[in-house]
Amino acid sequence: MKKYIAVAGTIGSGKSALIDFLCKSYPLLSVPNPAADNPYLEDFFRDMKRWAFHSQIYFLSRKFEAFKNFSTSFSSIITCRTIYEDAEIFARNLYQSGLMSETDFMTYYQLYLCLSDSLPAPDLLIYLHSPVSSSLRRLNANPKLGSVPITEKYLRHLNRLYVNWIADYDLSEVIIIDTEQHDFTSNLVDRADILEAIERYI
């Protein structure tokens, strides 16, 4: 039976590594993350207030488009981050931080509600909880992300919103993995535990 699995978590929480591991363990089709193709991203990190709305609209539209395209596949799919996180974590953080105006946020949020209502919820959400220090360590070790000017303050704000969001999330089954306690990149015991935890959902 076809399944939809989503991996959620803040920047640098290890989502890509977990997806790679799960795709090698199960016949899952990974939906590409649009972050790498966002033409606004560099401008956004240089001037968040000017480019916040543009960047978030790009993420929202590309994520919706990608999911609609891959939803026609007969394979079970796995996504890096949900459309809910784009709105409830990243866009909301920009609005609360004064980097997105109320008008822009409400325009964006109404579009998000229309799009998200037409998409199915995941069958399983895997949430990677990562302390800020761990996320920063992974970012600095990743040559693709290490050059992006992500601050500790920015990650703290995201983490706070993630904790609140996951506490209220009720759209699907949820597995929470503390990435400080479980190393699925190299520890065989942790890998086996993670596979056992998600086995019944796949």
N, C-alpha and C. Protein backbone atom coordinates (compact mmCIF):
# COMPACT_ATOMS: atom_id res chain seq x y z
N MET A 1 0.85 -1.20 0.00
CA MET A 1 0.00 0.00 0.00
C MET A 1 0.88 1.25 0.00
N LYS A 2 0.54 2.19 -0.86
CA LYS A 2 1.31 3.42 -0.99
C LYS A 2 1.25 4.26 0.28
N LYS A 3 2.41 4.78 0.72
CA LYS A 3 2.48 5.57 1.95
C LYS A 3 3.12 6.93 1.66
N TYR A 4 2.77 7.89 2.51
CA TYR A 4 3.38 9.22 2.45
C TYR A 4 4.02 9.49 3.80
N ILE A 5 5.35 9.59 3.80
CA ILE A 5 6.12 9.83 5.02
C ILE A 5 6.79 11.19 4.92
N ALA A 6 6.73 11.97 5.98
CA ALA A 6 7.37 13.28 6.00
C ALA A 6 8.39 13.33 7.14
N VAL A 7 9.53 13.93 6.87
CA VAL A 7 10.56 14.13 7.88
C VAL A 7 10.62 15.62 8.19
N ALA A 8 10.34 15.96 9.44
CA ALA A 8 10.27 17.36 9.86
C ALA A 8 11.43 17.68 10.79
N GLY A 9 11.80 18.95 10.82
CA GLY A 9 12.86 19.36 11.72
C GLY A 9 13.50 20.65 11.28
N THR A 10 14.15 21.30 12.20
CA THR A 10 14.76 22.59 11.93
C THR A 10 15.96 22.45 10.99
N ILE A 11 16.54 23.57 10.62
CA ILE A 11 17.73 23.58 9.77
C ILE A 11 18.87 22.87 10.52
N GLY A 12 19.53 21.93 9.84
CA GLY A 12 20.66 21.25 10.45
C GLY A 12 20.29 20.14 11.41
N SER A 13 19.04 19.66 11.35
CA SER A 13 18.62 18.60 12.28
C SER A 13 18.96 17.20 11.77
N GLY A 14 19.35 17.08 10.51
CA GLY A 14 19.73 15.77 9.98
C GLY A 14 18.68 15.13 9.10
N LYS A 15 17.76 15.92 8.56
CA LYS A 15 16.66 15.39 7.75
C LYS A 15 17.17 14.65 6.52
N SER A 16 18.09 15.27 5.79
CA SER A 16 18.60 14.66 4.55
C SER A 16 19.29 13.33 4.83
N ALA A 17 20.06 13.27 5.92
CA ALA A 17 20.76 12.04 6.27
C ALA A 17 19.77 10.93 6.60
N LEU A 18 18.71 11.27 7.33
CA LEU A 18 17.71 10.25 7.67
C LEU A 18 16.96 9.78 6.41
N ILE A 19 16.63 10.70 5.54
CA ILE A 19 15.93 10.32 4.31
C ILE A 19 16.80 9.41 3.45
N ASP A 20 18.08 9.72 3.34
CA ASP A 20 19.00 8.86 2.57
C ASP A 20 19.03 7.45 3.18
N PHE A 21 19.09 7.38 4.49
CA PHE A 21 19.13 6.09 5.19
C PHE A 21 17.84 5.31 4.96
N LEU A 22 16.70 5.96 5.07
CA LEU A 22 15.42 5.28 4.90
C LEU A 22 15.20 4.84 3.46
N CYS A 23 15.65 5.64 2.51
CA CYS A 23 15.50 5.27 1.10
C CYS A 23 16.37 4.07 0.73
N LYS A 24 17.47 3.87 1.46
CA LYS A 24 18.30 2.69 1.24
C LYS A 24 17.72 1.46 1.92
N SER A 25 16.85 1.70 2.91
CA SER A 25 16.28 0.59 3.68
C SER A 25 14.92 0.17 3.17
N TYR A 26 14.21 1.08 2.52
CA TYR A 26 12.85 0.80 2.04
C TYR A 26 12.68 1.34 0.62
N PRO A 27 11.71 0.81 -0.13
CA PRO A 27 11.45 1.32 -1.49
C PRO A 27 10.67 2.63 -1.44
N LEU A 28 11.35 3.71 -1.06
CA LEU A 28 10.73 5.02 -0.93
C LEU A 28 11.25 5.96 -2.02
N LEU A 29 10.36 6.77 -2.56
CA LEU A 29 10.74 7.77 -3.55
C LEU A 29 10.87 9.11 -2.83
N SER A 30 12.07 9.69 -2.88
CA SER A 30 12.32 10.95 -2.18
C SER A 30 11.89 12.12 -3.04
N VAL A 31 11.03 12.98 -2.48
CA VAL A 31 10.60 14.19 -3.18
C VAL A 31 11.67 15.25 -2.96
N PRO A 32 12.23 15.84 -4.02
CA PRO A 32 13.32 16.81 -3.87
C PRO A 32 12.91 18.01 -3.00
N ASN A 33 13.87 18.48 -2.23
CA ASN A 33 13.67 19.67 -1.41
C ASN A 33 13.93 20.90 -2.28
N PRO A 34 12.96 21.83 -2.38
CA PRO A 34 13.14 22.98 -3.26
C PRO A 34 14.13 24.02 -2.76
N ALA A 35 14.66 23.84 -1.55
CA ALA A 35 15.55 24.85 -0.96
C ALA A 35 16.76 25.14 -1.84
N ALA A 36 17.33 24.08 -2.42
CA ALA A 36 18.56 24.26 -3.20
C ALA A 36 18.33 25.10 -4.45
N ASP A 37 17.09 25.15 -4.94
CA ASP A 37 16.80 25.87 -6.18
C ASP A 37 16.17 27.24 -5.95
N ASN A 38 16.03 27.64 -4.70
CA ASN A 38 15.36 28.91 -4.41
C ASN A 38 16.22 30.08 -4.87
N PRO A 39 15.79 30.83 -5.91
CA PRO A 39 16.61 31.92 -6.42
C PRO A 39 16.68 33.12 -5.49
N TYR A 40 15.81 33.14 -4.46
CA TYR A 40 15.79 34.25 -3.53
C TYR A 40 16.64 34.00 -2.29
N LEU A 41 17.17 32.79 -2.12
CA LEU A 41 17.74 32.40 -0.84
C LEU A 41 18.94 33.26 -0.43
N GLU A 42 19.89 33.47 -1.34
CA GLU A 42 21.06 34.28 -0.99
C GLU A 42 20.64 35.70 -0.66
N ASP A 43 19.75 36.27 -1.46
CA ASP A 43 19.25 37.62 -1.17
C ASP A 43 18.51 37.65 0.15
N PHE A 44 17.76 36.59 0.43
CA PHE A 44 17.00 36.53 1.68
C PHE A 44 17.92 36.60 2.90
N PHE A 45 19.00 35.84 2.89
CA PHE A 45 19.88 35.84 4.06
C PHE A 45 20.71 37.13 4.16
N ARG A 46 20.80 37.89 3.06
CA ARG A 46 21.46 39.19 3.12
C ARG A 46 20.50 40.27 3.61
N ASP A 47 19.22 40.15 3.23
CA ASP A 47 18.22 41.16 3.59
C ASP A 47 16.87 40.47 3.79
N MET A 48 16.67 39.89 4.97
CA MET A 48 15.49 39.09 5.22
C MET A 48 14.19 39.88 5.08
N LYS A 49 14.21 41.11 5.54
CA LYS A 49 12.98 41.90 5.53
C LYS A 49 12.50 42.15 4.10
N ARG A 50 13.42 42.40 3.19
CA ARG A 50 13.04 42.70 1.82
C ARG A 50 12.57 41.47 1.06
N TRP A 51 13.22 40.30 1.33
CA TRP A 51 12.99 39.13 0.49
C TRP A 51 12.20 38.01 1.17
N ALA A 52 11.74 38.24 2.40
CA ALA A 52 11.04 37.19 3.14
C ALA A 52 9.80 36.69 2.41
N PHE A 53 8.94 37.59 1.98
CA PHE A 53 7.69 37.19 1.33
C PHE A 53 7.97 36.45 0.03
N HIS A 54 8.90 36.96 -0.77
CA HIS A 54 9.24 36.33 -2.04
C HIS A 54 9.75 34.90 -1.83
N SER A 55 10.66 34.77 -0.87
CA SER A 55 11.26 33.46 -0.61
C SER A 55 10.23 32.44 -0.14
N GLN A 56 9.35 32.87 0.77
CA GLN A 56 8.35 31.95 1.31
C GLN A 56 7.31 31.56 0.26
N ILE A 57 6.94 32.49 -0.60
CA ILE A 57 6.00 32.16 -1.67
C ILE A 57 6.63 31.14 -2.62
N TYR A 58 7.91 31.30 -2.90
CA TYR A 58 8.60 30.35 -3.76
C TYR A 58 8.57 28.95 -3.14
N PHE A 59 8.95 28.85 -1.87
CA PHE A 59 8.94 27.56 -1.19
C PHE A 59 7.55 26.93 -1.23
N LEU A 60 6.54 27.73 -0.94
CA LEU A 60 5.17 27.22 -0.87
C LEU A 60 4.72 26.67 -2.22
N SER A 61 4.95 27.44 -3.27
CA SER A 61 4.48 27.01 -4.59
C SER A 61 5.25 25.79 -5.10
N ARG A 62 6.57 25.76 -4.88
CA ARG A 62 7.37 24.64 -5.36
C ARG A 62 7.06 23.36 -4.58
N LYS A 63 6.83 23.51 -3.28
CA LYS A 63 6.51 22.33 -2.48
C LYS A 63 5.16 21.75 -2.90
N PHE A 64 4.20 22.62 -3.14
CA PHE A 64 2.88 22.16 -3.60
C PHE A 64 3.01 21.49 -4.97
N GLU A 65 3.74 22.11 -5.88
CA GLU A 65 3.92 21.56 -7.22
C GLU A 65 4.61 20.21 -7.18
N ALA A 66 5.68 20.12 -6.39
CA ALA A 66 6.43 18.86 -6.30
C ALA A 66 5.57 17.74 -5.75
N PHE A 67 4.80 18.03 -4.70
CA PHE A 67 3.99 16.99 -4.12
C PHE A 67 2.90 16.54 -5.08
N LYS A 68 2.27 17.46 -5.78
CA LYS A 68 1.23 17.10 -6.74
C LYS A 68 1.80 16.22 -7.85
N ASN A 69 3.02 16.54 -8.29
CA ASN A 69 3.65 15.73 -9.35
C ASN A 69 3.96 14.32 -8.86
N PHE A 70 4.55 14.22 -7.67
CA PHE A 70 4.97 12.92 -7.16
C PHE A 70 3.81 12.12 -6.58
N SER A 71 2.70 12.78 -6.28
CA SER A 71 1.56 12.06 -5.72
C SER A 71 0.92 11.13 -6.75
N THR A 72 1.23 11.33 -8.02
CA THR A 72 0.70 10.45 -9.06
C THR A 72 1.53 9.17 -9.20
N SER A 73 2.64 9.12 -8.48
CA SER A 73 3.49 7.94 -8.56
C SER A 73 2.85 6.77 -7.81
N PHE A 74 3.22 5.57 -8.23
CA PHE A 74 2.72 4.38 -7.53
C PHE A 74 3.59 4.02 -6.33
N SER A 75 4.70 4.73 -6.17
CA SER A 75 5.64 4.44 -5.08
C SER A 75 5.24 5.18 -3.81
N SER A 76 5.65 4.64 -2.68
CA SER A 76 5.55 5.39 -1.42
C SER A 76 6.57 6.51 -1.48
N ILE A 77 6.20 7.67 -0.94
CA ILE A 77 7.09 8.82 -1.03
C ILE A 77 7.51 9.31 0.35
N ILE A 78 8.65 10.00 0.37
CA ILE A 78 9.16 10.60 1.60
C ILE A 78 9.60 12.01 1.27
N THR A 79 9.20 12.97 2.09
CA THR A 79 9.51 14.37 1.83
C THR A 79 10.37 14.95 2.94
N CYS A 80 11.20 15.90 2.56
CA CYS A 80 12.01 16.65 3.51
C CYS A 80 11.23 17.90 3.90
N ARG A 81 10.65 17.87 5.06
CA ARG A 81 9.85 18.96 5.61
C ARG A 81 8.48 18.99 4.96
N THR A 82 7.47 19.39 5.72
CA THR A 82 6.10 19.46 5.26
C THR A 82 5.73 20.88 4.84
N ILE A 83 4.64 20.99 4.12
CA ILE A 83 4.15 22.32 3.74
C ILE A 83 3.69 23.09 4.99
N TYR A 84 3.30 22.35 6.04
CA TYR A 84 2.85 22.98 7.29
C TYR A 84 3.99 23.76 7.95
N GLU A 85 5.20 23.20 7.89
CA GLU A 85 6.35 23.86 8.52
C GLU A 85 6.69 25.17 7.84
N ASP A 86 6.53 25.21 6.52
CA ASP A 86 6.82 26.45 5.80
C ASP A 86 6.02 27.60 6.39
N ALA A 87 4.74 27.34 6.68
CA ALA A 87 3.87 28.39 7.19
C ALA A 87 3.97 28.58 8.69
N GLU A 88 3.85 27.47 9.42
CA GLU A 88 3.73 27.55 10.88
C GLU A 88 5.07 27.81 11.58
N ILE A 89 6.16 27.50 10.92
CA ILE A 89 7.48 27.72 11.53
C ILE A 89 8.20 28.89 10.86
N PHE A 90 8.51 28.75 9.59
CA PHE A 90 9.40 29.71 8.94
C PHE A 90 8.73 31.05 8.63
N ALA A 91 7.55 31.01 8.01
CA ALA A 91 6.86 32.27 7.73
C ALA A 91 6.42 32.96 9.03
N ARG A 92 5.91 32.15 9.98
CA ARG A 92 5.47 32.73 11.26
C ARG A 92 6.64 33.35 12.02
N ASN A 93 7.80 32.72 11.96
CA ASN A 93 8.97 33.27 12.62
C ASN A 93 9.36 34.63 12.01
N LEU A 94 9.30 34.71 10.68
CA LEU A 94 9.61 35.97 10.01
C LEU A 94 8.63 37.07 10.43
N TYR A 95 7.35 36.70 10.52
CA TYR A 95 6.34 37.67 10.93
C TYR A 95 6.54 38.11 12.38
N GLN A 96 6.75 37.16 13.27
CA GLN A 96 6.93 37.49 14.68
C GLN A 96 8.22 38.28 14.93
N SER A 97 9.20 38.09 14.06
CA SER A 97 10.47 38.80 14.20
C SER A 97 10.45 40.18 13.55
N GLY A 98 9.32 40.54 12.94
CA GLY A 98 9.23 41.84 12.29
C GLY A 98 9.87 41.88 10.91
N LEU A 99 10.14 40.71 10.35
CA LEU A 99 10.79 40.64 9.05
C LEU A 99 9.80 40.41 7.91
N MET A 100 8.53 40.20 8.26
CA MET A 100 7.46 40.10 7.27
C MET A 100 6.28 40.89 7.81
N SER A 101 5.72 41.77 6.99
CA SER A 101 4.61 42.60 7.46
C SER A 101 3.37 41.75 7.70
N GLU A 102 2.45 42.29 8.47
CA GLU A 102 1.20 41.57 8.74
C GLU A 102 0.42 41.32 7.46
N THR A 103 0.41 42.31 6.56
CA THR A 103 -0.30 42.15 5.28
C THR A 103 0.30 41.02 4.46
N ASP A 104 1.63 41.00 4.36
CA ASP A 104 2.30 39.93 3.61
C ASP A 104 2.06 38.57 4.24
N PHE A 105 2.15 38.52 5.58
CA PHE A 105 1.96 37.24 6.25
C PHE A 105 0.54 36.72 6.05
N MET A 106 -0.45 37.57 6.19
CA MET A 106 -1.84 37.12 6.04
C MET A 106 -2.13 36.71 4.59
N THR A 107 -1.56 37.44 3.63
CA THR A 107 -1.71 37.05 2.23
C THR A 107 -1.10 35.68 1.99
N TYR A 108 0.11 35.50 2.51
CA TYR A 108 0.80 34.21 2.39
C TYR A 108 0.00 33.11 3.09
N TYR A 109 -0.47 33.39 4.30
CA TYR A 109 -1.12 32.36 5.10
C TYR A 109 -2.44 31.91 4.48
N GLN A 110 -3.18 32.82 3.89
CA GLN A 110 -4.43 32.44 3.23
C GLN A 110 -4.16 31.54 2.03
N LEU A 111 -3.10 31.85 1.28
CA LEU A 111 -2.72 30.99 0.17
C LEU A 111 -2.30 29.61 0.68
N TYR A 112 -1.53 29.60 1.76
CA TYR A 112 -1.10 28.33 2.37
C TYR A 112 -2.31 27.48 2.77
N LEU A 113 -3.31 28.08 3.38
CA LEU A 113 -4.50 27.33 3.81
C LEU A 113 -5.21 26.72 2.61
N CYS A 114 -5.31 27.47 1.53
CA CYS A 114 -5.97 26.95 0.33
C CYS A 114 -5.21 25.77 -0.26
N LEU A 115 -3.88 25.89 -0.32
CA LEU A 115 -3.07 24.82 -0.91
C LEU A 115 -3.02 23.59 -0.01
N SER A 116 -2.78 23.81 1.28
CA SER A 116 -2.62 22.67 2.19
C SER A 116 -3.91 21.88 2.34
N ASP A 117 -5.06 22.54 2.21
CA ASP A 117 -6.34 21.84 2.32
C ASP A 117 -6.56 20.84 1.19
N SER A 118 -5.86 21.05 0.08
CA SER A 118 -6.04 20.15 -1.07
C SER A 118 -5.02 19.02 -1.09
N LEU A 119 -4.13 18.98 -0.08
CA LEU A 119 -3.13 17.92 0.00
C LEU A 119 -3.45 16.97 1.15
N PRO A 120 -3.16 15.69 0.97
CA PRO A 120 -3.37 14.75 2.08
C PRO A 120 -2.31 14.94 3.15
N ALA A 121 -2.68 14.66 4.38
CA ALA A 121 -1.70 14.68 5.47
C ALA A 121 -0.80 13.46 5.34
N PRO A 122 0.40 13.51 5.91
CA PRO A 122 1.28 12.33 5.87
C PRO A 122 0.65 11.15 6.61
N ASP A 123 1.04 9.95 6.21
CA ASP A 123 0.67 8.77 6.99
C ASP A 123 1.52 8.70 8.25
N LEU A 124 2.72 9.23 8.15
CA LEU A 124 3.65 9.24 9.28
C LEU A 124 4.50 10.50 9.21
N LEU A 125 4.63 11.20 10.33
CA LEU A 125 5.53 12.33 10.45
C LEU A 125 6.67 11.93 11.39
N ILE A 126 7.89 12.02 10.91
CA ILE A 126 9.07 11.77 11.74
C ILE A 126 9.67 13.13 12.09
N TYR A 127 9.63 13.49 13.35
CA TYR A 127 10.14 14.79 13.78
C TYR A 127 11.51 14.62 14.42
N LEU A 128 12.50 15.31 13.87
CA LEU A 128 13.86 15.28 14.41
C LEU A 128 14.06 16.47 15.33
N HIS A 129 14.14 16.19 16.62
CA HIS A 129 14.39 17.26 17.58
C HIS A 129 15.90 17.43 17.73
N SER A 130 16.36 18.65 17.49
CA SER A 130 17.80 18.90 17.51
C SER A 130 18.09 20.16 18.31
N PRO A 131 18.91 20.07 19.38
CA PRO A 131 19.32 21.28 20.09
C PRO A 131 20.06 22.22 19.14
N VAL A 132 20.01 23.51 19.45
CA VAL A 132 20.65 24.51 18.58
C VAL A 132 22.13 24.22 18.40
N SER A 133 22.79 23.82 19.46
CA SER A 133 24.24 23.54 19.37
C SER A 133 24.53 22.41 18.38
N SER A 134 23.68 21.39 18.37
CA SER A 134 23.86 20.28 17.45
C SER A 134 23.60 20.70 16.01
N SER A 135 22.57 21.52 15.82
CA SER A 135 22.27 22.01 14.47
C SER A 135 23.41 22.85 13.93
N LEU A 136 23.95 23.73 14.76
CA LEU A 136 25.07 24.56 14.33
C LEU A 136 26.29 23.72 13.97
N ARG A 137 26.52 22.68 14.75
CA ARG A 137 27.66 21.79 14.47
C ARG A 137 27.49 21.11 13.12
N ARG A 138 26.29 20.64 12.82
CA ARG A 138 26.06 19.99 11.54
C ARG A 138 26.17 20.98 10.38
N LEU A 139 25.66 22.20 10.60
CA LEU A 139 25.74 23.20 9.55
C LEU A 139 27.19 23.55 9.22
N ASN A 140 27.99 23.70 10.25
CA ASN A 140 29.40 24.05 10.04
C ASN A 140 30.18 22.92 9.37
N ALA A 141 29.70 21.69 9.57
CA ALA A 141 30.38 20.53 8.98
C ALA A 141 29.92 20.24 7.57
N ASN A 142 28.83 20.90 7.14
CA ASN A 142 28.27 20.65 5.82
C ASN A 142 28.72 21.74 4.85
N PRO A 143 29.55 21.42 3.87
CA PRO A 143 30.05 22.45 2.95
C PRO A 143 28.96 23.15 2.17
N LYS A 144 27.81 22.49 1.97
CA LYS A 144 26.71 23.10 1.22
C LYS A 144 25.98 24.15 2.05
N LEU A 145 26.02 23.98 3.39
CA LEU A 145 25.25 24.86 4.27
C LEU A 145 26.13 25.77 5.12
N GLY A 146 27.40 25.40 5.26
CA GLY A 146 28.27 26.14 6.15
C GLY A 146 28.46 27.59 5.76
N SER A 147 28.30 27.91 4.46
CA SER A 147 28.50 29.28 4.00
C SER A 147 27.26 30.14 4.15
N VAL A 148 26.11 29.51 4.47
CA VAL A 148 24.87 30.26 4.65
C VAL A 148 24.87 30.91 6.03
N PRO A 149 24.65 32.23 6.11
CA PRO A 149 24.76 32.94 7.39
C PRO A 149 23.58 32.72 8.31
N ILE A 150 23.47 31.53 8.88
CA ILE A 150 22.38 31.21 9.81
C ILE A 150 22.89 31.44 11.23
N THR A 151 22.21 32.28 11.98
CA THR A 151 22.68 32.64 13.32
C THR A 151 22.08 31.73 14.38
N GLU A 152 22.73 31.73 15.53
CA GLU A 152 22.22 30.96 16.68
C GLU A 152 20.86 31.51 17.12
N LYS A 153 20.69 32.81 17.08
CA LYS A 153 19.42 33.43 17.47
C LYS A 153 18.29 32.97 16.55
N TYR A 154 18.56 32.93 15.26
CA TYR A 154 17.57 32.49 14.28
C TYR A 154 17.15 31.05 14.55
N LEU A 155 18.12 30.17 14.83
CA LEU A 155 17.82 28.77 15.12
C LEU A 155 17.04 28.62 16.42
N ARG A 156 17.34 29.44 17.42
CA ARG A 156 16.61 29.38 18.69
C ARG A 156 15.13 29.71 18.47
N HIS A 157 14.87 30.71 17.66
CA HIS A 157 13.48 31.08 17.37
C HIS A 157 12.75 29.95 16.64
N LEU A 158 13.44 29.33 15.68
CA LEU A 158 12.83 28.21 14.95
C LEU A 158 12.54 27.05 15.89
N ASN A 159 13.49 26.74 16.77
CA ASN A 159 13.31 25.62 17.70
C ASN A 159 12.11 25.84 18.61
N ARG A 160 11.93 27.07 19.07
CA ARG A 160 10.79 27.37 19.94
C ARG A 160 9.47 27.12 19.20
N LEU A 161 9.40 27.56 17.97
CA LEU A 161 8.19 27.35 17.18
C LEU A 161 7.98 25.87 16.87
N TYR A 162 9.06 25.15 16.62
CA TYR A 162 8.94 23.71 16.35
C TYR A 162 8.38 22.97 17.56
N VAL A 163 8.88 23.29 18.74
CA VAL A 163 8.40 22.62 19.96
C VAL A 163 6.90 22.85 20.13
N ASN A 164 6.45 24.08 19.91
CA ASN A 164 5.02 24.39 20.05
C ASN A 164 4.20 23.70 18.96
N TRP A 165 4.74 23.69 17.74
CA TRP A 165 4.00 23.10 16.62
C TRP A 165 3.83 21.59 16.78
N ILE A 166 4.90 20.90 17.13
CA ILE A 166 4.82 19.44 17.22
C ILE A 166 3.94 19.03 18.40
N ALA A 167 3.87 19.86 19.43
CA ALA A 167 3.02 19.54 20.58
C ALA A 167 1.54 19.56 20.20
N ASP A 168 1.18 20.38 19.23
CA ASP A 168 -0.22 20.50 18.81
C ASP A 168 -0.54 19.72 17.55
N TYR A 169 0.46 19.16 16.89
CA TYR A 169 0.25 18.48 15.62
C TYR A 169 -0.57 17.20 15.83
N ASP A 170 -1.66 17.05 15.06
CA ASP A 170 -2.54 15.89 15.23
C ASP A 170 -3.06 15.35 13.90
N LEU A 171 -2.36 15.64 12.81
CA LEU A 171 -2.83 15.23 11.49
C LEU A 171 -2.45 13.80 11.13
N SER A 172 -1.49 13.22 11.85
CA SER A 172 -1.03 11.87 11.52
C SER A 172 -0.28 11.28 12.70
N GLU A 173 0.14 10.04 12.53
CA GLU A 173 1.02 9.42 13.52
C GLU A 173 2.35 10.17 13.54
N VAL A 174 2.98 10.22 14.72
CA VAL A 174 4.23 10.96 14.88
C VAL A 174 5.26 10.10 15.60
N ILE A 175 6.47 10.12 15.08
CA ILE A 175 7.62 9.55 15.79
C ILE A 175 8.60 10.68 16.03
N ILE A 176 9.02 10.86 17.28
CA ILE A 176 9.97 11.91 17.62
C ILE A 176 11.34 11.28 17.89
N ILE A 177 12.34 11.76 17.20
CA ILE A 177 13.71 11.26 17.38
C ILE A 177 14.57 12.40 17.91
N ASP A 178 15.17 12.19 19.06
CA ASP A 178 16.11 13.17 19.63
C ASP A 178 17.47 12.91 18.99
N THR A 179 17.90 13.80 18.12
CA THR A 179 19.14 13.57 17.38
C THR A 179 20.39 13.69 18.24
N GLU A 180 20.22 14.22 19.44
CA GLU A 180 21.35 14.27 20.37
C GLU A 180 21.57 12.92 21.02
N GLN A 181 20.49 12.14 21.12
CA GLN A 181 20.55 10.83 21.78
C GLN A 181 20.68 9.67 20.79
N HIS A 182 20.27 9.88 19.55
CA HIS A 182 20.28 8.80 18.56
C HIS A 182 21.06 9.23 17.31
N ASP A 183 22.06 8.47 16.98
CA ASP A 183 22.91 8.75 15.81
C ASP A 183 22.58 7.74 14.71
N PHE A 184 21.70 8.14 13.78
CA PHE A 184 21.30 7.23 12.71
C PHE A 184 22.26 7.29 11.52
N THR A 185 23.30 8.13 11.63
CA THR A 185 24.27 8.21 10.53
C THR A 185 25.31 7.11 10.60
N SER A 186 25.63 6.61 11.80
CA SER A 186 26.69 5.60 11.90
C SER A 186 26.47 4.55 12.97
N ASN A 187 25.63 4.84 13.98
CA ASN A 187 25.44 3.89 15.07
C ASN A 187 24.45 2.80 14.65
N LEU A 188 24.92 1.57 14.57
CA LEU A 188 24.08 0.48 14.08
C LEU A 188 22.91 0.17 15.00
N VAL A 189 23.13 0.30 16.32
CA VAL A 189 22.05 0.04 17.27
C VAL A 189 20.95 1.10 17.12
N ASP A 190 21.35 2.36 16.99
CA ASP A 190 20.36 3.43 16.81
C ASP A 190 19.62 3.26 15.49
N ARG A 191 20.33 2.84 14.46
CA ARG A 191 19.67 2.59 13.17
C ARG A 191 18.61 1.50 13.29
N ALA A 192 18.97 0.43 13.98
CA ALA A 192 18.04 -0.68 14.15
C ALA A 192 16.82 -0.23 14.96
N ASP A 193 17.04 0.59 15.99
CA ASP A 193 15.93 1.08 16.80
C ASP A 193 14.98 1.95 15.97
N ILE A 194 15.55 2.78 15.12
CA ILE A 194 14.73 3.67 14.30
C ILE A 194 13.92 2.86 13.29
N LEU A 195 14.55 1.88 12.66
CA LEU A 195 13.82 1.04 11.70
C LEU A 195 12.71 0.27 12.38
N GLU A 196 12.96 -0.21 13.59
CA GLU A 196 11.93 -0.94 14.33
C GLU A 196 10.75 -0.03 14.66
N ALA A 197 11.05 1.24 14.99
CA ALA A 197 10.00 2.17 15.37
C ALA A 197 9.07 2.52 14.21
N ILE A 198 9.63 2.56 12.99
CA ILE A 198 8.80 2.98 11.86
C ILE A 198 8.29 1.82 11.02
N GLU A 199 8.76 0.59 11.34
CA GLU A 199 8.44 -0.58 10.52
C GLU A 199 6.94 -0.74 10.30
N ARG A 200 6.15 -0.55 11.32
CA ARG A 200 4.71 -0.84 11.19
C ARG A 200 3.97 0.22 10.39
N TYR A 201 4.64 1.35 10.11
CA TYR A 201 3.99 2.40 9.34
C TYR A 201 4.28 2.30 7.84
N ILE A 202 5.26 1.49 7.47
CA ILE A 202 5.71 1.44 6.07
C ILE A 202 5.17 0.19 5.38
